[in-house]
């Protein structure tokens, strides 16, 4: 998993509440188990109509085409528990989402896929939305080490992340990565088990 330490990028304001996982990545795109290529389907029902880009949608505007931060409304990621949703966001290039609240399963899946979700009070999110309205000039810096967001005007806002999740993101540890940290102990256990219980390992 890609490490998350500090991210500087354009923030796109998505002024929608209750954005569910079907809106994030429609069911038509769930036929693959690969994590790549899903960015093209991100927010497909909002980005396209009859195969053509909807110009008014925020990510279709040139200023936000390469946004890596998303400022969204309340209850982001609700709906079905499809892991393709954070896959699609990450494949598009979104590494951080700031919203008043998140659906629990989506929130957990973000951390397992190198995305930092940050819950913030509604009034703070609105302030960030206003700052993000400046298009390509809405460059934010999200620093996970110091747990601070720097706005385009230089002001900063602090945020909290549960220590274990913070450590995992800083080091790029997903569930597999956490397991591999103990690979020497696992190998030692297997070697001893093969010696003590050889009948279990017979081919």
N, C-alpha and C. Protein backbone atom coordinates (compact mmCIF):
# COMPACT_ATOMS: atom_id res chain seq x y z
N UNK A 1 0.84 -1.19 0.00
CA UNK A 1 0.00 0.00 0.00
C UNK A 1 0.88 1.24 0.00
N UNK A 2 0.48 2.25 -0.75
CA UNK A 2 1.25 3.49 -0.82
C UNK A 2 1.21 4.23 0.52
N UNK A 3 2.36 4.71 0.95
CA UNK A 3 2.43 5.47 2.19
C UNK A 3 1.71 6.81 2.05
N UNK A 4 1.20 7.29 3.16
CA UNK A 4 0.63 8.63 3.21
C UNK A 4 1.36 9.39 4.31
N UNK A 5 2.15 10.37 3.93
CA UNK A 5 2.84 11.20 4.91
C UNK A 5 2.37 12.64 4.80
N UNK A 6 2.62 13.24 3.63
CA UNK A 6 2.16 14.60 3.37
C UNK A 6 1.66 14.68 1.94
N UNK A 7 0.51 15.30 1.77
CA UNK A 7 -0.10 15.44 0.45
C UNK A 7 -0.38 16.91 0.16
N UNK A 8 0.13 17.40 -0.96
CA UNK A 8 -0.18 18.74 -1.43
C UNK A 8 -0.86 18.64 -2.78
N UNK A 9 -2.06 19.17 -2.88
CA UNK A 9 -2.79 19.06 -4.13
C UNK A 9 -4.04 19.91 -4.14
N UNK A 10 -4.68 19.95 -5.29
CA UNK A 10 -5.92 20.71 -5.45
C UNK A 10 -7.06 19.98 -4.74
N UNK A 11 -7.88 20.74 -4.05
CA UNK A 11 -9.05 20.20 -3.36
C UNK A 11 -10.30 20.52 -4.16
N UNK A 12 -11.09 19.51 -4.43
CA UNK A 12 -12.33 19.69 -5.19
C UNK A 12 -13.53 19.69 -4.25
N UNK A 13 -14.41 20.69 -4.34
CA UNK A 13 -15.60 20.73 -3.49
C UNK A 13 -16.76 19.95 -4.10
N UNK A 14 -17.21 18.91 -3.42
CA UNK A 14 -18.35 18.12 -3.86
C UNK A 14 -19.50 18.40 -2.91
N UNK A 15 -20.35 19.33 -3.27
CA UNK A 15 -21.40 19.79 -2.38
C UNK A 15 -22.62 18.87 -2.44
N UNK A 16 -22.41 17.63 -2.02
CA UNK A 16 -23.48 16.64 -1.99
C UNK A 16 -23.43 15.88 -0.67
N UNK A 17 -24.60 15.62 -0.11
CA UNK A 17 -24.70 14.79 1.08
C UNK A 17 -25.10 13.38 0.67
N UNK A 18 -24.83 12.42 1.56
CA UNK A 18 -25.25 11.02 1.35
C UNK A 18 -24.75 10.45 0.03
N UNK A 19 -23.50 10.74 -0.31
CA UNK A 19 -22.91 10.15 -1.51
C UNK A 19 -22.64 8.68 -1.21
N UNK A 20 -23.42 7.79 -1.84
CA UNK A 20 -23.27 6.37 -1.53
C UNK A 20 -22.25 5.70 -2.45
N UNK A 21 -21.92 4.46 -2.13
CA UNK A 21 -20.87 3.77 -2.88
C UNK A 21 -21.29 3.47 -4.32
N UNK A 22 -22.58 3.42 -4.59
CA UNK A 22 -23.03 3.23 -5.97
C UNK A 22 -22.80 4.49 -6.79
N UNK A 23 -22.89 5.64 -6.16
CA UNK A 23 -22.56 6.89 -6.84
C UNK A 23 -21.05 6.99 -7.05
N UNK A 24 -20.29 6.52 -6.07
CA UNK A 24 -18.83 6.58 -6.19
C UNK A 24 -18.35 5.68 -7.33
N UNK A 25 -18.86 4.44 -7.39
CA UNK A 25 -18.50 3.53 -8.48
C UNK A 25 -19.71 2.65 -8.78
N UNK A 26 -20.41 2.89 -9.89
CA UNK A 26 -21.63 2.14 -10.21
C UNK A 26 -21.37 0.64 -10.36
N UNK A 27 -22.43 -0.14 -10.17
CA UNK A 27 -22.32 -1.60 -10.17
C UNK A 27 -21.75 -2.16 -11.46
N UNK A 28 -21.93 -1.45 -12.57
CA UNK A 28 -21.40 -1.93 -13.86
C UNK A 28 -19.89 -2.14 -13.83
N UNK A 29 -19.22 -1.49 -12.91
CA UNK A 29 -17.76 -1.54 -12.86
C UNK A 29 -17.24 -2.58 -11.85
N UNK A 30 -18.14 -3.36 -11.27
CA UNK A 30 -17.73 -4.28 -10.21
C UNK A 30 -17.35 -5.66 -10.72
N UNK A 31 -17.20 -5.81 -12.03
CA UNK A 31 -16.89 -7.12 -12.59
C UNK A 31 -15.42 -7.49 -12.44
N UNK A 32 -14.60 -6.54 -12.08
CA UNK A 32 -13.17 -6.78 -11.94
C UNK A 32 -12.76 -6.84 -10.48
N UNK A 33 -11.69 -7.60 -10.20
CA UNK A 33 -11.13 -7.61 -8.85
C UNK A 33 -9.78 -6.89 -8.84
N UNK A 34 -9.47 -6.23 -9.98
CA UNK A 34 -8.24 -5.44 -10.06
C UNK A 34 -8.50 -4.04 -9.51
N UNK A 35 -7.50 -3.47 -8.91
CA UNK A 35 -7.65 -2.15 -8.31
C UNK A 35 -7.33 -1.03 -9.30
N UNK A 36 -6.84 -1.40 -10.47
CA UNK A 36 -6.48 -0.40 -11.47
C UNK A 36 -7.57 -0.27 -12.53
N UNK A 37 -7.66 0.91 -13.11
CA UNK A 37 -8.62 1.15 -14.19
C UNK A 37 -9.98 1.63 -13.74
N UNK A 38 -10.23 1.60 -12.42
CA UNK A 38 -11.55 1.97 -11.92
C UNK A 38 -11.75 3.49 -11.84
N UNK A 39 -10.66 4.24 -11.94
CA UNK A 39 -10.79 5.69 -11.88
C UNK A 39 -11.66 6.25 -12.98
N UNK A 40 -11.68 5.56 -14.13
CA UNK A 40 -12.51 6.01 -15.25
C UNK A 40 -14.00 5.96 -14.91
N UNK A 41 -14.36 5.07 -13.97
CA UNK A 41 -15.77 4.95 -13.60
C UNK A 41 -16.15 5.71 -12.36
N UNK A 42 -15.18 6.42 -11.76
CA UNK A 42 -15.47 7.17 -10.54
C UNK A 42 -16.56 8.21 -10.79
N UNK A 43 -17.60 8.17 -9.98
CA UNK A 43 -18.74 9.09 -10.09
C UNK A 43 -19.32 9.10 -11.52
N UNK A 44 -19.32 7.94 -12.17
CA UNK A 44 -19.73 7.87 -13.58
C UNK A 44 -21.11 8.44 -13.83
N UNK A 45 -22.06 8.17 -12.92
CA UNK A 45 -23.42 8.67 -13.14
C UNK A 45 -23.51 10.18 -12.96
N UNK A 46 -22.52 10.77 -12.28
CA UNK A 46 -22.49 12.22 -12.10
C UNK A 46 -21.61 12.90 -13.14
N UNK A 47 -20.60 12.18 -13.63
CA UNK A 47 -19.64 12.75 -14.57
C UNK A 47 -20.10 12.69 -16.02
N UNK A 48 -20.90 11.67 -16.37
CA UNK A 48 -21.24 11.44 -17.77
C UNK A 48 -22.75 11.28 -17.98
N UNK A 49 -23.17 11.66 -19.17
CA UNK A 49 -24.54 11.40 -19.60
C UNK A 49 -24.49 11.07 -21.09
N UNK A 50 -25.03 9.91 -21.42
CA UNK A 50 -25.00 9.44 -22.81
C UNK A 50 -23.57 9.43 -23.37
N UNK A 51 -22.63 9.05 -22.50
CA UNK A 51 -21.24 8.94 -22.94
C UNK A 51 -20.48 10.24 -23.03
N UNK A 52 -21.12 11.35 -22.69
CA UNK A 52 -20.46 12.65 -22.77
C UNK A 52 -20.27 13.24 -21.37
N UNK A 53 -19.18 13.94 -21.18
CA UNK A 53 -18.88 14.55 -19.89
C UNK A 53 -19.88 15.65 -19.56
N UNK A 54 -20.34 15.66 -18.32
CA UNK A 54 -21.22 16.71 -17.84
C UNK A 54 -20.34 17.86 -17.35
N UNK A 55 -20.35 18.96 -18.06
CA UNK A 55 -19.41 20.04 -17.81
C UNK A 55 -19.52 20.63 -16.41
N UNK A 56 -20.72 20.63 -15.84
CA UNK A 56 -20.92 21.26 -14.54
C UNK A 56 -20.40 20.42 -13.38
N UNK A 57 -20.14 19.13 -13.61
CA UNK A 57 -19.66 18.30 -12.50
C UNK A 57 -18.23 18.70 -12.15
N UNK A 58 -17.96 18.80 -10.86
CA UNK A 58 -16.72 19.42 -10.40
C UNK A 58 -15.46 18.78 -10.97
N UNK A 59 -15.40 17.46 -11.05
CA UNK A 59 -14.18 16.81 -11.53
C UNK A 59 -14.02 16.92 -13.05
N UNK A 60 -15.07 17.36 -13.73
CA UNK A 60 -14.96 17.58 -15.18
C UNK A 60 -14.49 18.99 -15.51
N UNK A 61 -14.42 19.84 -14.50
CA UNK A 61 -13.92 21.19 -14.72
C UNK A 61 -12.40 21.15 -14.77
N UNK A 62 -11.79 21.80 -15.77
CA UNK A 62 -10.33 21.73 -15.93
C UNK A 62 -9.54 22.02 -14.65
N UNK A 63 -10.02 22.94 -13.85
CA UNK A 63 -9.29 23.34 -12.64
C UNK A 63 -9.20 22.21 -11.62
N UNK A 64 -10.16 21.27 -11.68
CA UNK A 64 -10.20 20.20 -10.69
C UNK A 64 -9.90 18.82 -11.28
N UNK A 65 -9.49 18.78 -12.53
CA UNK A 65 -9.30 17.50 -13.22
C UNK A 65 -8.26 16.62 -12.53
N UNK A 66 -7.28 17.25 -11.87
CA UNK A 66 -6.24 16.47 -11.20
C UNK A 66 -6.31 16.62 -9.68
N UNK A 67 -7.51 16.84 -9.18
CA UNK A 67 -7.67 16.99 -7.73
C UNK A 67 -7.25 15.71 -7.00
N UNK A 68 -6.58 15.88 -5.88
CA UNK A 68 -6.19 14.73 -5.06
C UNK A 68 -6.84 14.74 -3.69
N UNK A 69 -7.59 15.83 -3.43
CA UNK A 69 -8.31 15.99 -2.16
C UNK A 69 -9.77 16.28 -2.49
N UNK A 70 -10.68 15.64 -1.77
CA UNK A 70 -12.11 15.84 -2.00
C UNK A 70 -12.74 16.37 -0.72
N UNK A 71 -13.45 17.50 -0.84
CA UNK A 71 -14.21 18.06 0.28
C UNK A 71 -15.68 17.73 0.01
N UNK A 72 -16.30 16.95 0.87
CA UNK A 72 -17.63 16.42 0.57
C UNK A 72 -18.62 16.69 1.70
N UNK A 73 -19.88 16.35 1.43
CA UNK A 73 -20.95 16.53 2.40
C UNK A 73 -21.07 15.39 3.38
N UNK A 74 -22.05 15.49 4.25
CA UNK A 74 -22.25 14.54 5.34
C UNK A 74 -22.56 13.12 4.84
N UNK A 75 -22.15 12.13 5.63
CA UNK A 75 -22.47 10.72 5.38
C UNK A 75 -21.88 10.20 4.08
N UNK A 76 -20.64 10.54 3.83
CA UNK A 76 -19.96 10.12 2.60
C UNK A 76 -19.64 8.63 2.66
N UNK A 77 -19.90 7.93 1.55
CA UNK A 77 -19.59 6.51 1.45
C UNK A 77 -20.63 5.59 2.02
N UNK A 78 -21.85 6.07 2.17
CA UNK A 78 -22.92 5.22 2.69
C UNK A 78 -23.35 4.21 1.62
N UNK A 79 -24.27 3.34 1.96
CA UNK A 79 -24.75 2.34 0.99
C UNK A 79 -24.03 1.01 1.15
N UNK A 80 -23.91 0.28 0.06
CA UNK A 80 -23.32 -1.06 0.12
C UNK A 80 -21.84 -0.99 0.45
N UNK A 81 -21.32 -2.08 0.96
CA UNK A 81 -19.94 -2.10 1.47
C UNK A 81 -18.95 -2.55 0.41
N UNK A 82 -18.98 -1.92 -0.76
CA UNK A 82 -18.09 -2.32 -1.86
C UNK A 82 -16.72 -1.67 -1.74
N UNK A 83 -15.69 -2.52 -1.69
CA UNK A 83 -14.32 -2.01 -1.58
C UNK A 83 -13.88 -1.35 -2.88
N UNK A 84 -14.63 -1.59 -3.96
CA UNK A 84 -14.30 -0.93 -5.23
C UNK A 84 -14.39 0.60 -5.10
N UNK A 85 -15.16 1.08 -4.13
CA UNK A 85 -15.32 2.54 -3.98
C UNK A 85 -13.99 3.21 -3.64
N UNK A 86 -13.28 2.79 -2.58
CA UNK A 86 -11.97 3.40 -2.35
C UNK A 86 -10.97 3.05 -3.45
N UNK A 87 -11.10 1.88 -4.07
CA UNK A 87 -10.21 1.54 -5.19
C UNK A 87 -10.35 2.57 -6.31
N UNK A 88 -11.60 2.92 -6.63
CA UNK A 88 -11.86 3.88 -7.72
C UNK A 88 -11.32 5.26 -7.36
N UNK A 89 -11.53 5.69 -6.12
CA UNK A 89 -11.02 6.99 -5.68
C UNK A 89 -9.50 7.03 -5.76
N UNK A 90 -8.85 5.99 -5.26
CA UNK A 90 -7.39 5.94 -5.27
C UNK A 90 -6.85 5.88 -6.70
N UNK A 91 -7.51 5.11 -7.56
CA UNK A 91 -7.04 4.99 -8.94
C UNK A 91 -7.18 6.32 -9.69
N UNK A 92 -8.20 7.08 -9.35
CA UNK A 92 -8.37 8.41 -9.96
C UNK A 92 -7.29 9.37 -9.46
N UNK A 93 -6.84 9.17 -8.23
CA UNK A 93 -5.83 10.05 -7.65
C UNK A 93 -6.27 10.76 -6.38
N UNK A 94 -7.47 10.45 -5.87
CA UNK A 94 -7.95 11.03 -4.62
C UNK A 94 -7.30 10.30 -3.46
N UNK A 95 -6.51 11.02 -2.66
CA UNK A 95 -5.81 10.40 -1.53
C UNK A 95 -6.35 10.85 -0.18
N UNK A 96 -7.20 11.88 -0.19
CA UNK A 96 -7.74 12.39 1.07
C UNK A 96 -9.16 12.89 0.85
N UNK A 97 -10.05 12.55 1.78
CA UNK A 97 -11.45 13.00 1.72
C UNK A 97 -11.78 13.64 3.06
N UNK A 98 -12.33 14.83 3.00
CA UNK A 98 -12.73 15.54 4.21
C UNK A 98 -14.24 15.75 4.16
N UNK A 99 -14.94 15.32 5.21
CA UNK A 99 -16.39 15.42 5.24
C UNK A 99 -16.86 15.46 6.70
N UNK A 100 -18.09 15.92 6.95
CA UNK A 100 -18.58 15.93 8.33
C UNK A 100 -18.69 14.53 8.94
N UNK A 101 -19.02 13.53 8.11
CA UNK A 101 -19.10 12.16 8.61
C UNK A 101 -18.98 11.18 7.45
N UNK A 102 -18.63 9.93 7.81
CA UNK A 102 -18.45 8.87 6.83
C UNK A 102 -19.21 7.63 7.28
N UNK A 103 -19.63 6.81 6.33
CA UNK A 103 -20.17 5.50 6.66
C UNK A 103 -19.03 4.64 7.20
N UNK A 104 -19.32 3.83 8.22
CA UNK A 104 -18.27 3.12 8.95
C UNK A 104 -17.44 2.20 8.06
N UNK A 105 -18.09 1.37 7.23
CA UNK A 105 -17.34 0.40 6.43
C UNK A 105 -16.47 1.12 5.41
N UNK A 106 -17.02 2.13 4.77
CA UNK A 106 -16.23 2.90 3.81
C UNK A 106 -15.05 3.56 4.51
N UNK A 107 -15.28 4.12 5.66
CA UNK A 107 -14.23 4.79 6.45
C UNK A 107 -13.07 3.81 6.71
N UNK A 108 -13.41 2.60 7.15
CA UNK A 108 -12.39 1.60 7.43
C UNK A 108 -11.67 1.16 6.16
N UNK A 109 -12.40 1.01 5.06
CA UNK A 109 -11.80 0.58 3.80
C UNK A 109 -10.81 1.61 3.26
N UNK A 110 -11.07 2.87 3.52
CA UNK A 110 -10.15 3.92 3.06
C UNK A 110 -8.77 3.71 3.64
N UNK A 111 -8.69 3.47 4.93
CA UNK A 111 -7.40 3.29 5.58
C UNK A 111 -6.66 2.08 5.02
N UNK A 112 -7.40 1.06 4.60
CA UNK A 112 -6.78 -0.15 4.07
C UNK A 112 -6.33 0.01 2.63
N UNK A 113 -6.65 1.17 2.03
CA UNK A 113 -6.30 1.40 0.63
C UNK A 113 -5.52 2.69 0.42
N UNK A 114 -4.90 3.17 1.48
CA UNK A 114 -4.01 4.32 1.35
C UNK A 114 -4.69 5.66 1.22
N UNK A 115 -5.97 5.73 1.61
CA UNK A 115 -6.72 6.99 1.55
C UNK A 115 -6.96 7.48 2.98
N UNK A 116 -6.76 8.77 3.20
CA UNK A 116 -6.98 9.36 4.52
C UNK A 116 -8.35 10.04 4.56
N UNK A 117 -9.32 9.47 5.31
CA UNK A 117 -10.61 10.15 5.50
C UNK A 117 -10.56 10.98 6.78
N UNK A 118 -10.96 12.24 6.70
CA UNK A 118 -10.88 13.12 7.86
C UNK A 118 -12.27 13.67 8.18
N UNK A 119 -12.87 13.24 9.29
CA UNK A 119 -14.15 13.84 9.71
C UNK A 119 -13.88 15.21 10.34
N UNK A 120 -14.71 16.18 9.96
CA UNK A 120 -14.56 17.54 10.49
C UNK A 120 -15.95 18.10 10.79
N UNK A 121 -16.06 19.01 11.75
CA UNK A 121 -17.35 19.66 12.00
C UNK A 121 -17.88 20.35 10.74
N UNK A 122 -19.19 20.44 10.65
CA UNK A 122 -19.84 21.00 9.46
C UNK A 122 -19.31 22.39 9.14
N UNK A 123 -19.13 23.23 10.16
CA UNK A 123 -18.70 24.61 9.91
C UNK A 123 -17.26 24.64 9.36
N UNK A 124 -16.44 23.70 9.78
CA UNK A 124 -15.07 23.63 9.26
C UNK A 124 -15.07 23.15 7.82
N UNK A 125 -15.90 22.14 7.54
CA UNK A 125 -16.00 21.64 6.17
C UNK A 125 -16.49 22.74 5.24
N UNK A 126 -17.42 23.55 5.69
CA UNK A 126 -17.93 24.65 4.88
C UNK A 126 -16.82 25.66 4.59
N UNK A 127 -15.99 25.92 5.58
CA UNK A 127 -14.85 26.82 5.37
C UNK A 127 -13.90 26.24 4.31
N UNK A 128 -13.66 24.94 4.38
CA UNK A 128 -12.80 24.29 3.40
C UNK A 128 -13.43 24.29 2.02
N UNK A 129 -14.76 24.11 1.97
CA UNK A 129 -15.48 24.17 0.69
C UNK A 129 -15.26 25.54 0.03
N UNK A 130 -15.40 26.58 0.82
CA UNK A 130 -15.25 27.93 0.28
C UNK A 130 -13.82 28.14 -0.24
N UNK A 131 -12.84 27.63 0.48
CA UNK A 131 -11.46 27.75 0.03
C UNK A 131 -11.24 26.94 -1.24
N UNK A 132 -11.92 25.80 -1.35
CA UNK A 132 -11.77 24.93 -2.52
C UNK A 132 -12.48 25.49 -3.75
N UNK A 133 -13.35 26.46 -3.56
CA UNK A 133 -14.06 27.07 -4.69
C UNK A 133 -13.13 27.86 -5.61
N UNK A 134 -11.89 28.05 -5.22
CA UNK A 134 -10.96 28.86 -6.01
C UNK A 134 -10.28 28.08 -7.12
N UNK A 135 -10.81 26.94 -7.48
CA UNK A 135 -10.30 26.20 -8.62
C UNK A 135 -8.87 25.73 -8.44
N UNK A 136 -8.06 25.94 -9.48
CA UNK A 136 -6.67 25.47 -9.45
C UNK A 136 -5.86 26.15 -8.36
N UNK A 137 -6.36 27.26 -7.82
CA UNK A 137 -5.67 27.95 -6.74
C UNK A 137 -6.00 27.37 -5.36
N UNK A 138 -6.89 26.37 -5.35
CA UNK A 138 -7.31 25.79 -4.07
C UNK A 138 -6.38 24.64 -3.68
N UNK A 139 -5.10 24.96 -3.53
CA UNK A 139 -4.11 23.95 -3.17
C UNK A 139 -4.00 23.84 -1.65
N UNK A 140 -4.24 22.64 -1.16
CA UNK A 140 -4.17 22.35 0.27
C UNK A 140 -2.96 21.45 0.51
N UNK A 141 -2.45 21.48 1.74
CA UNK A 141 -1.45 20.50 2.16
C UNK A 141 -2.00 19.76 3.38
N UNK A 142 -2.07 18.45 3.28
CA UNK A 142 -2.53 17.61 4.38
C UNK A 142 -1.31 16.86 4.91
N UNK A 143 -0.93 17.17 6.13
CA UNK A 143 0.26 16.57 6.74
C UNK A 143 -0.19 15.60 7.83
N UNK A 144 -0.01 14.31 7.57
CA UNK A 144 -0.44 13.30 8.54
C UNK A 144 0.51 13.23 9.73
N UNK A 145 1.77 13.55 9.52
CA UNK A 145 2.72 13.49 10.63
C UNK A 145 2.40 14.53 11.70
N UNK A 146 2.09 15.75 11.26
CA UNK A 146 1.75 16.82 12.21
C UNK A 146 0.26 16.92 12.46
N UNK A 147 -0.53 16.20 11.65
CA UNK A 147 -1.99 16.21 11.71
C UNK A 147 -2.53 17.64 11.57
N UNK A 148 -2.09 18.28 10.48
CA UNK A 148 -2.55 19.64 10.18
C UNK A 148 -2.87 19.76 8.69
N UNK A 149 -3.88 20.56 8.40
CA UNK A 149 -4.23 20.92 7.03
C UNK A 149 -3.87 22.38 6.84
N UNK A 150 -3.08 22.65 5.81
CA UNK A 150 -2.74 24.04 5.47
C UNK A 150 -3.58 24.49 4.30
N UNK A 151 -4.32 25.57 4.48
CA UNK A 151 -5.21 26.10 3.45
C UNK A 151 -4.42 27.00 2.49
N UNK A 152 -5.04 27.36 1.35
CA UNK A 152 -4.35 28.22 0.38
C UNK A 152 -3.87 29.54 0.96
N UNK A 153 -4.57 30.07 1.98
CA UNK A 153 -4.16 31.36 2.55
C UNK A 153 -3.08 31.21 3.62
N UNK A 154 -2.62 29.98 3.84
CA UNK A 154 -1.56 29.75 4.81
C UNK A 154 -2.04 29.39 6.21
N UNK A 155 -3.34 29.53 6.46
CA UNK A 155 -3.87 29.17 7.77
C UNK A 155 -3.91 27.65 7.91
N UNK A 156 -3.93 27.16 9.14
CA UNK A 156 -3.90 25.72 9.38
C UNK A 156 -5.07 25.28 10.25
N UNK A 157 -5.47 24.04 10.05
CA UNK A 157 -6.52 23.41 10.85
C UNK A 157 -6.01 22.04 11.29
N UNK A 158 -6.12 21.75 12.57
CA UNK A 158 -5.67 20.47 13.08
C UNK A 158 -6.75 19.40 12.93
N UNK A 159 -6.32 18.16 12.90
CA UNK A 159 -7.26 17.04 12.85
C UNK A 159 -6.68 15.87 13.63
N UNK A 160 -7.54 14.94 13.99
CA UNK A 160 -7.11 13.77 14.77
C UNK A 160 -7.31 12.49 13.97
N UNK A 161 -6.36 11.58 14.09
CA UNK A 161 -6.46 10.26 13.50
C UNK A 161 -6.08 9.25 14.58
N UNK A 162 -6.84 8.19 14.69
CA UNK A 162 -6.54 7.15 15.67
C UNK A 162 -5.10 6.68 15.48
N UNK A 163 -4.29 6.60 16.54
CA UNK A 163 -2.85 6.35 16.42
C UNK A 163 -2.47 5.13 15.60
N UNK A 164 -3.16 4.01 15.78
CA UNK A 164 -2.81 2.81 15.03
C UNK A 164 -3.04 3.02 13.53
N UNK A 165 -4.16 3.61 13.16
CA UNK A 165 -4.45 3.87 11.75
C UNK A 165 -3.44 4.87 11.17
N UNK A 166 -3.09 5.87 11.95
CA UNK A 166 -2.09 6.84 11.51
C UNK A 166 -0.76 6.14 11.22
N UNK A 167 -0.35 5.26 12.13
CA UNK A 167 0.91 4.54 11.94
C UNK A 167 0.88 3.67 10.68
N UNK A 168 -0.25 3.02 10.45
CA UNK A 168 -0.38 2.17 9.26
C UNK A 168 -0.26 2.98 7.98
N UNK A 169 -0.93 4.13 7.92
CA UNK A 169 -0.86 4.97 6.73
C UNK A 169 0.55 5.53 6.53
N UNK A 170 1.16 6.00 7.60
CA UNK A 170 2.50 6.57 7.48
C UNK A 170 3.51 5.55 6.96
N UNK A 171 3.30 4.28 7.30
CA UNK A 171 4.23 3.23 6.90
C UNK A 171 3.77 2.43 5.69
N UNK A 172 2.54 2.71 5.20
CA UNK A 172 2.04 1.98 4.05
C UNK A 172 1.67 0.54 4.37
N UNK A 173 1.16 0.31 5.59
CA UNK A 173 0.81 -1.05 6.01
C UNK A 173 -0.69 -1.30 5.81
N UNK A 174 -1.05 -2.20 4.90
CA UNK A 174 -2.41 -2.72 4.86
C UNK A 174 -2.43 -4.00 5.69
N UNK A 175 -3.52 -4.78 5.64
CA UNK A 175 -3.60 -5.99 6.46
C UNK A 175 -2.49 -6.98 6.12
N UNK A 176 -2.17 -7.10 4.84
CA UNK A 176 -1.10 -8.01 4.42
C UNK A 176 0.25 -7.50 4.91
N UNK A 177 0.45 -6.20 4.77
CA UNK A 177 1.70 -5.60 5.22
C UNK A 177 1.92 -5.80 6.72
N UNK A 178 0.85 -5.68 7.50
CA UNK A 178 0.95 -5.90 8.93
C UNK A 178 1.36 -7.33 9.23
N UNK A 179 0.79 -8.27 8.48
CA UNK A 179 1.13 -9.69 8.67
C UNK A 179 2.59 -9.96 8.32
N UNK A 180 3.04 -9.36 7.21
CA UNK A 180 4.41 -9.60 6.75
C UNK A 180 5.46 -9.03 7.70
N UNK A 181 5.07 -8.14 8.58
CA UNK A 181 6.02 -7.65 9.58
C UNK A 181 6.47 -8.78 10.50
N UNK A 182 5.65 -9.82 10.59
CA UNK A 182 5.95 -10.96 11.46
C UNK A 182 6.37 -12.19 10.67
N UNK A 183 6.89 -11.98 9.46
CA UNK A 183 7.19 -13.12 8.59
C UNK A 183 8.25 -14.04 9.20
N UNK A 184 9.22 -13.50 9.92
CA UNK A 184 10.25 -14.35 10.53
C UNK A 184 9.64 -15.26 11.59
N UNK A 185 8.73 -14.71 12.40
CA UNK A 185 8.08 -15.52 13.43
C UNK A 185 7.17 -16.57 12.79
N UNK A 186 6.51 -16.21 11.70
CA UNK A 186 5.64 -17.16 11.00
C UNK A 186 6.47 -18.30 10.41
N UNK A 187 7.59 -17.96 9.78
CA UNK A 187 8.47 -18.98 9.20
C UNK A 187 9.01 -19.91 10.28
N UNK A 188 9.37 -19.33 11.43
CA UNK A 188 9.89 -20.13 12.53
C UNK A 188 8.84 -21.09 13.07
N UNK A 189 7.62 -20.59 13.20
CA UNK A 189 6.51 -21.43 13.68
C UNK A 189 6.25 -22.58 12.72
N UNK A 190 6.23 -22.28 11.42
CA UNK A 190 5.97 -23.33 10.43
C UNK A 190 7.09 -24.38 10.43
N UNK A 191 8.32 -23.93 10.55
CA UNK A 191 9.44 -24.87 10.56
C UNK A 191 9.35 -25.80 11.75
N UNK A 192 9.01 -25.26 12.93
CA UNK A 192 8.88 -26.09 14.13
C UNK A 192 7.69 -27.04 14.01
N UNK A 193 6.59 -26.53 13.43
CA UNK A 193 5.40 -27.38 13.27
C UNK A 193 5.68 -28.54 12.32
N UNK A 194 6.45 -28.29 11.27
CA UNK A 194 6.79 -29.35 10.33
C UNK A 194 7.66 -30.42 10.99
N UNK A 195 8.49 -29.97 11.95
CA UNK A 195 9.36 -30.91 12.65
C UNK A 195 8.58 -31.69 13.71
N UNK A 196 7.72 -31.01 14.46
CA UNK A 196 7.01 -31.65 15.57
C UNK A 196 5.77 -32.42 15.12
N UNK A 197 5.16 -31.96 14.02
CA UNK A 197 3.92 -32.58 13.56
C UNK A 197 4.04 -32.88 12.06
N UNK A 198 5.04 -33.66 11.71
CA UNK A 198 5.36 -33.90 10.31
C UNK A 198 4.20 -34.53 9.54
N UNK A 199 3.36 -35.30 10.24
CA UNK A 199 2.24 -35.95 9.55
C UNK A 199 1.23 -34.96 8.98
N UNK A 200 1.18 -33.77 9.58
CA UNK A 200 0.25 -32.75 9.07
C UNK A 200 0.74 -32.14 7.75
N UNK A 201 2.03 -32.28 7.48
CA UNK A 201 2.62 -31.64 6.31
C UNK A 201 2.93 -32.64 5.21
N UNK A 202 2.56 -33.90 5.42
CA UNK A 202 2.85 -34.93 4.40
C UNK A 202 2.04 -34.66 3.13
N UNK A 203 2.67 -34.83 1.99
CA UNK A 203 1.97 -34.58 0.73
C UNK A 203 1.27 -35.85 0.24
